[in-house]
């Protein structure tokens, strides 16, 4: 039994098509895995950067609270000094009125 050239050409064409589909499928799978890895890496980097930003904001917040406490303490000291100065001026005025100076 002889196989005709048309049948042989058809079989070779089908084999090439099937081979192309298999190669295409494996290439697609490989590229999809690369894309997933790339997206996971980018997501991890982004997450790490956001964590660093959050930590920096927390650090700034702590520094700001500490600075605010220092300003509060300083303003309290200034108020006490002003009160003390005011009392000293009253005493000096009373001494001047009495003529002791």
Protein backbone atom coordinates (compact mmCIF):
# COMPACT_ATOMS: atom_id res chain seq x y z
CA UNK A 1 0.00 0.00 0.00
CA UNK A 2 1.38 3.26 -1.11
CA UNK A 3 0.95 6.51 0.75
CA UNK A 4 0.33 9.44 -1.51
CA UNK A 5 2.27 12.66 -1.41
CA UNK A 6 -0.85 14.56 -0.31
CA UNK A 7 -1.35 12.30 2.70
CA UNK A 8 2.33 12.55 3.63
CA UNK A 9 2.20 16.34 3.34
CA UNK A 10 -0.90 16.44 5.52
CA UNK A 11 0.69 14.23 8.19
CA UNK A 12 3.86 16.34 8.22
CA UNK A 13 1.74 19.53 8.44
CA UNK A 14 -0.25 18.12 11.38
CA UNK A 15 2.96 17.06 13.18
CA UNK A 16 4.45 20.53 12.70
CA UNK A 17 1.24 22.15 13.94
CA UNK A 18 1.10 19.92 17.03
CA UNK A 19 4.80 20.54 17.72
CA UNK A 20 4.24 24.30 17.39
CA UNK A 21 1.29 24.15 19.78
CA UNK A 22 3.31 22.18 22.36
CA UNK A 23 6.27 24.57 22.11
CA UNK A 24 3.90 27.54 22.31
CA UNK A 25 2.19 26.14 25.41
CA UNK A 26 5.50 25.53 27.21
CA UNK A 27 6.74 28.99 26.26
CA UNK A 28 3.52 30.52 27.55
CA UNK A 29 3.81 28.59 30.83
CA UNK A 30 7.43 29.61 31.27
CA UNK A 31 6.72 33.29 30.59
CA UNK A 32 3.72 33.22 32.91
CA UNK A 33 5.90 31.86 35.72
CA UNK A 34 8.48 34.58 35.06
CA UNK A 35 5.75 37.23 35.18
CA UNK A 36 4.43 35.86 38.47
CA UNK A 37 7.93 35.90 39.97
CA UNK A 38 8.53 39.42 38.69
CA UNK A 39 5.23 40.68 40.12
CA UNK A 40 5.93 38.97 43.46
CA UNK A 41 9.38 40.58 43.61
CA UNK A 42 7.99 44.03 42.78
CA UNK A 43 5.25 43.59 45.36
CA UNK A 44 7.79 42.59 48.03
CA UNK A 45 9.97 45.60 47.21
CA UNK A 46 6.97 47.93 47.35
CA UNK A 47 5.86 46.43 50.65
CA UNK A 48 9.35 46.85 52.12
CA UNK A 49 9.46 50.48 51.00
CA UNK A 50 6.05 51.16 52.54
CA UNK A 51 7.19 49.54 55.80
CA UNK A 52 10.29 51.77 55.82
CA UNK A 53 8.14 54.85 55.20
CA UNK A 54 5.83 53.82 58.05
CA UNK A 55 8.77 53.36 60.40
CA UNK A 56 10.17 56.75 59.40
CA UNK A 57 6.83 58.41 60.06
CA UNK A 58 6.66 56.74 63.48
CA UNK A 59 10.20 57.92 64.25
CA UNK A 60 9.32 61.47 63.23
CA UNK A 61 6.19 61.30 65.37
CA UNK A 62 8.23 60.19 68.40
CA UNK A 63 10.81 62.94 67.79
CA UNK A 64 8.03 65.50 67.45
CA UNK A 65 6.46 64.41 70.76
CA UNK A 66 9.84 64.62 72.49
CA UNK A 67 10.45 68.05 70.99
CA UNK A 68 6.97 69.15 72.01
CA UNK A 69 7.65 68.05 75.58
CA UNK A 70 10.91 70.02 75.60
CA UNK A 71 9.08 73.14 74.37
CA UNK A 72 6.41 72.66 77.02
CA UNK A 73 9.06 72.39 79.75
CA UNK A 74 10.88 75.42 78.39
CA UNK A 75 7.71 77.52 78.22
CA UNK A 76 6.87 76.56 81.81
CA UNK A 77 10.34 77.70 82.90
CA UNK A 78 9.92 81.00 81.06
CA UNK A 79 6.54 81.55 82.74
CA UNK A 80 8.04 80.90 86.19
CA UNK A 81 10.95 83.27 85.45
CA UNK A 82 8.53 85.99 84.33
CA UNK A 83 6.48 85.53 87.50
CA UNK A 84 9.62 85.67 89.63
CA UNK A 85 10.83 88.79 87.81
CA UNK A 86 7.44 90.44 88.28
CA UNK A 87 7.56 89.71 92.04
CA UNK A 88 11.13 91.01 92.23
CA UNK A 89 10.08 94.26 90.54
CA UNK A 90 7.20 94.66 93.02
CA UNK A 91 9.61 94.22 95.94
CA UNK A 92 12.07 96.70 94.41
CA UNK A 93 9.23 99.20 93.90
CA UNK A 94 8.16 98.79 97.56
CA UNK A 95 11.75 99.33 98.73
CA UNK A 96 11.98 102.48 96.59
CA UNK A 97 8.69 103.77 97.99
CA UNK A 98 9.95 103.26 101.53
CA UNK A 99 13.06 105.18 100.60
CA UNK A 100 15.49 102.49 101.55
CA UNK A 101 17.44 102.86 98.32
